[in-house]
Protein backbone atom coordinates (compact mmCIF):
# COMPACT_ATOMS: atom_id res chain seq x y z
CA MET A 1 -7.04 -26.21 -0.10
CA ILE A 2 -7.49 -23.24 2.23
CA SER A 3 -6.21 -23.37 5.80
CA PHE A 4 -8.04 -21.03 8.17
CA ILE A 5 -5.82 -20.39 11.20
CA PHE A 6 -7.44 -19.31 14.47
CA PRO A 7 -5.11 -18.64 17.43
CA ALA A 8 -7.14 -19.12 20.58
CA TYR A 9 -6.47 -18.28 24.20
CA ASN A 10 -9.55 -18.77 26.42
CA GLU A 11 -11.95 -18.44 23.50
CA ALA A 12 -14.44 -21.24 24.26
CA GLU A 13 -17.51 -18.99 24.05
CA ASN A 14 -16.46 -17.49 20.72
CA LEU A 15 -15.67 -20.92 19.27
CA LYS A 16 -19.27 -21.89 20.00
CA ARG A 17 -20.30 -19.30 17.40
CA PHE A 18 -18.40 -21.06 14.61
CA PRO A 19 -21.16 -23.49 13.48
CA VAL A 20 -23.44 -20.54 12.74
CA GLU A 21 -21.08 -17.68 11.83
CA ALA A 22 -17.95 -19.26 10.33
CA VAL A 23 -18.48 -22.78 8.98
CA PRO A 24 -21.45 -21.91 6.71
CA VAL A 25 -19.38 -19.16 5.06
CA PHE A 26 -16.46 -21.51 4.44
CA GLU A 27 -18.82 -24.16 3.04
CA ARG A 28 -20.37 -21.70 0.58
CA ILE A 29 -16.97 -20.83 -0.82
CA GLY A 30 -16.96 -24.22 -2.50
CA GLU A 31 -13.24 -24.98 -2.05
CA PRO A 32 -11.61 -27.64 0.14
CA TYR A 33 -10.67 -26.18 3.51
CA GLU A 34 -9.54 -26.92 7.03
CA ILE A 35 -9.90 -24.95 10.24
CA ILE A 36 -6.84 -24.99 12.50
CA VAL A 37 -7.50 -23.92 16.07
CA VAL A 38 -4.24 -23.29 17.92
CA ASP A 39 -5.09 -23.51 21.61
CA ASP A 40 -2.41 -21.32 23.18
CA GLY A 41 -2.46 -22.74 26.69
CA SER A 42 -6.09 -21.94 27.47
CA VAL A 43 -7.47 -22.61 30.95
CA ASP A 44 -11.13 -22.67 29.87
CA ASP A 45 -12.96 -25.13 27.60
CA THR A 46 -11.33 -23.93 24.36
CA ALA A 47 -9.90 -27.36 23.52
CA ALA A 48 -13.12 -29.24 24.31
CA VAL A 49 -15.26 -26.89 22.22
CA ALA A 50 -12.80 -27.07 19.31
CA ARG A 51 -12.88 -30.87 19.36
CA GLY A 52 -16.65 -30.75 19.02
CA LEU A 53 -16.72 -28.55 15.94
CA GLY A 54 -16.46 -31.36 13.42
CA GLU A 55 -14.00 -33.17 11.18
CA ARG A 56 -12.93 -30.02 9.34
CA VAL A 57 -11.36 -28.69 12.54
CA ARG A 58 -7.86 -29.61 13.66
CA LEU A 59 -6.86 -28.73 17.19
CA VAL A 60 -3.22 -27.95 17.93
CA GLN A 61 -2.34 -27.29 21.56
CA HIS A 62 0.50 -25.43 23.26
CA ASP A 63 1.52 -26.69 26.68
CA ARG A 64 1.37 -23.11 28.00
CA ASN A 65 0.43 -19.64 26.86
CA ARG A 66 3.15 -18.56 24.43
CA GLY A 67 1.56 -15.56 22.74
CA LEU A 68 -0.32 -14.72 19.57
CA GLY A 69 2.80 -14.63 17.44
CA VAL A 70 3.85 -18.14 18.40
CA ALA A 71 0.29 -19.41 17.86
CA ILE A 72 0.21 -18.00 14.33
CA ARG A 73 3.63 -19.46 13.58
CA THR A 74 2.40 -22.86 14.82
CA GLY A 75 -0.69 -22.59 12.64
CA ILE A 76 1.36 -21.81 9.55
CA LYS A 77 3.64 -24.76 10.26
CA GLU A 78 0.67 -27.10 10.69
CA ALA A 79 -1.30 -25.84 7.66
CA ARG A 80 -1.87 -28.25 4.81
CA GLY A 81 -3.50 -25.82 2.40
CA ASP A 82 -1.92 -23.95 -0.49
CA LEU A 83 -3.57 -20.79 0.87
CA VAL A 84 -3.52 -19.60 4.47
CA VAL A 85 -6.04 -17.19 6.01
CA THR A 86 -5.27 -15.89 9.50
CA MET A 87 -8.22 -14.69 11.58
CA ASP A 88 -9.19 -13.64 15.10
CA THR A 89 -11.06 -16.34 16.99
CA ASP A 90 -13.29 -13.68 18.52
CA LEU A 91 -14.57 -13.01 14.97
CA THR A 92 -14.00 -9.27 15.23
CA PHE A 93 -13.27 -9.58 11.52
CA SER A 94 -16.41 -11.29 10.29
CA PRO A 95 -16.02 -14.58 8.39
CA SER A 96 -18.41 -13.07 5.84
CA LEU A 97 -15.42 -11.01 4.64
CA VAL A 98 -13.41 -14.09 3.60
CA PRO A 99 -14.93 -14.32 0.09
CA LEU A 100 -13.69 -10.77 -0.50
CA LEU A 101 -10.11 -11.86 0.21
CA LEU A 102 -10.43 -14.87 -2.08
CA GLU A 103 -12.09 -12.97 -4.92
CA ARG A 104 -9.30 -10.42 -4.96
CA PHE A 105 -6.58 -13.08 -4.76
CA HIS A 106 -8.03 -15.14 -7.59
CA ARG A 107 -7.63 -12.26 -10.02
CA GLY A 108 -4.05 -13.52 -10.16
CA ASP A 109 -2.06 -10.29 -9.85
CA VAL A 110 -1.21 -10.32 -6.12
CA ASP A 111 0.45 -12.55 -3.53
CA ILE A 112 -1.11 -11.24 -0.31
CA VAL A 113 -4.57 -9.84 0.35
CA SER A 114 -4.82 -7.87 3.58
CA GLY A 115 -7.98 -6.66 5.31
CA SER A 116 -7.88 -2.95 6.11
CA PRO A 117 -10.13 -1.42 8.79
CA LYS A 118 -9.10 2.02 7.57
CA LEU A 119 -10.42 1.40 4.07
CA ALA A 120 -13.69 0.26 5.68
CA GLY A 121 -13.91 3.42 7.79
CA TYR A 122 -13.19 1.46 10.97
CA GLY A 123 -16.17 0.41 13.09
CA LYS A 124 -18.39 2.90 14.84
CA ASP A 125 -17.89 1.06 18.14
CA ILE A 126 -14.08 1.01 17.93
CA PRO A 127 -12.53 3.29 20.58
CA SER A 128 -10.77 6.36 19.22
CA TYR A 129 -7.51 5.45 20.97
CA ARG A 130 -7.35 2.16 19.04
CA VAL A 131 -7.84 4.05 15.80
CA LEU A 132 -5.09 6.50 16.74
CA VAL A 133 -2.63 3.75 17.71
CA GLY A 134 -3.38 1.97 14.46
CA LYS A 135 -2.76 5.07 12.38
CA LEU A 136 0.53 5.88 14.14
CA SER A 137 1.89 2.35 13.79
CA THR A 138 0.86 2.25 10.15
CA LEU A 139 2.69 5.50 9.47
CA VAL A 140 5.91 4.20 11.03
CA TYR A 141 5.77 0.85 9.26
CA SER A 142 4.92 2.40 5.91
CA VAL A 143 8.09 4.50 6.10
CA ILE A 144 10.14 1.38 6.88
CA PHE A 145 8.44 -0.68 4.17
CA GLY A 146 8.95 2.06 1.61
CA ARG A 147 5.34 1.91 0.48
CA LYS A 148 1.99 3.09 1.73
CA ILE A 149 -0.01 0.39 3.46
CA THR A 150 -3.10 1.48 5.39
CA ALA A 151 -3.20 -1.46 7.85
CA VAL A 152 0.00 -3.24 8.89
CA THR A 153 -0.94 -4.82 12.21
CA PRO A 154 -4.36 -6.54 11.69
CA ILE A 155 -4.41 -10.33 11.56
CA PHE A 156 -7.04 -10.70 8.81
CA ARG A 157 -4.99 -11.72 5.75
CA LEU A 158 -4.61 -14.28 2.99
CA TYR A 159 -1.19 -15.66 2.05
CA ARG A 160 0.27 -18.44 -0.04
CA ARG A 161 1.57 -20.96 2.47
CA ALA A 162 4.74 -21.40 0.40
CA ASP A 163 5.51 -17.70 0.89
CA VAL A 164 5.25 -17.71 4.68
CA VAL A 165 6.25 -21.17 5.87
CA ASP A 166 10.00 -20.49 5.75
CA LEU A 167 10.05 -16.90 7.02
CA PRO A 168 12.53 -16.34 9.90
CA LEU A 169 9.80 -15.10 12.24
CA GLN A 170 10.62 -14.18 15.83
CA SER A 171 7.63 -12.21 17.09
CA THR A 172 5.64 -13.67 19.96
CA GLY A 173 2.91 -11.02 20.24
CA PHE A 174 0.60 -8.97 18.07
CA ASP A 175 3.62 -7.62 16.17
CA ILE A 176 3.72 -10.90 14.25
CA ASN A 177 1.44 -9.51 11.54
CA ALA A 178 3.76 -6.56 10.85
CA GLU A 179 6.77 -8.88 10.84
CA ILE A 180 5.22 -11.24 8.30
CA LEU A 181 4.30 -8.36 6.01
CA PHE A 182 7.78 -6.83 6.29
CA TYR A 183 9.51 -10.01 5.15
CA LEU A 184 7.07 -10.55 2.29
CA VAL A 185 7.43 -6.99 1.03
CA ARG A 186 11.21 -7.32 1.37
CA ARG A 187 11.02 -10.41 -0.86
CA GLY A 188 9.10 -8.50 -3.50
CA LYS A 189 5.69 -10.02 -2.87
CA ARG A 190 2.70 -8.06 -4.12
CA VAL A 191 0.29 -6.79 -1.47
CA VAL A 192 -3.20 -5.44 -1.97
CA GLU A 193 -5.67 -4.28 0.67
CA VAL A 194 -9.43 -4.65 0.76
CA PRO A 195 -11.92 -2.97 3.12
CA ALA A 196 -12.52 -5.03 6.26
CA MET A 197 -14.66 -3.65 9.07
CA LEU A 198 -13.30 -4.27 12.55
CA THR A 199 -15.87 -4.83 15.29
CA GLN A 200 -15.82 -5.28 19.06
CA ARG A 201 -15.62 -8.77 20.54
CA VAL A 202 -18.85 -10.35 21.80
CA HIS A 203 -17.45 -12.72 24.45
CA GLY A 204 -14.39 -12.67 26.66
CA GLU A 205 -11.66 -10.11 27.12
CA SER A 206 -9.11 -8.77 24.68
CA LYS A 207 -5.61 -10.20 25.10
CA LEU A 208 -4.05 -6.99 23.81
CA ASP A 209 -1.78 -5.33 26.38
CA TYR A 210 -0.84 -2.00 24.81
CA GLN A 211 2.20 -1.42 27.03
CA LYS A 212 3.71 -4.81 26.23
CA GLU A 213 2.83 -4.56 22.56
CA MET A 214 4.35 -1.10 22.25
CA LYS A 215 7.66 -2.49 23.49
CA ARG A 216 7.43 -5.42 21.08
CA HIS A 217 6.70 -3.14 18.14
CA LEU A 218 9.59 -0.84 19.03
CA ARG A 219 11.96 -3.82 19.10
CA LEU A 220 10.58 -5.03 15.78
CA VAL A 221 10.93 -1.58 14.20
CA TRP A 222 14.55 -1.39 15.33
CA ARG A 223 15.24 -4.85 13.88
CA MET A 224 13.64 -3.83 10.59
CA VAL A 225 15.66 -0.62 10.42
CA LYS A 226 18.89 -2.56 10.95
CA MET A 227 17.96 -4.97 8.16
CA ARG A 228 17.11 -2.11 5.83
CA LEU A 229 20.49 -0.50 6.59
CA GLY A 230 22.33 -3.78 6.16
CA TRP A 231 23.42 -3.97 9.79
CA SER A 232 22.08 -7.49 10.29
């Protein structure tokens, strides 16, 4: 079974798009699946909309807003599938890209399939500063990982649940995706990237606070460096 994990904070309007844009794609895949919506302390109708999406959807709620990283960790813990796909609830990575992840994984020679906006040429409506930040962070993380990876921070990925469920994750923000990848690479897991176009959100506001996330990434980088040097 495939568990699709969607962390959601005030994403009611985007969840309303699921019956047309997400569920039909998952149905066409032809494999058992579940959709896990982790409501991260929303103050809008996120929970109510999620409950109305059908029996394939499981709603997990946080009592308060704890951050993207915690929501993803909750989703992984709650997942029942052998495979886990993490996605943005605003569908900035289109669900139509999911079959590409699965097709590459089912070739049998990799453990993680990661969507790369860089390989897709980014999106024409993506601000240049976001592209620049992405490139700089990727450069830093690639040095730490010891291998070239074109997209370290995006959420759009496929994992084996068994590989991620016991990781000692600490990140609470958007740095969670880099942290997961670091531990998997450290454990010798095979990573491959596929082109995945990143688009702008249709409804609501981005939860990304660059100042806060920069601090989180710097702390994560320092923790990774210490682990690489055997200091922790």
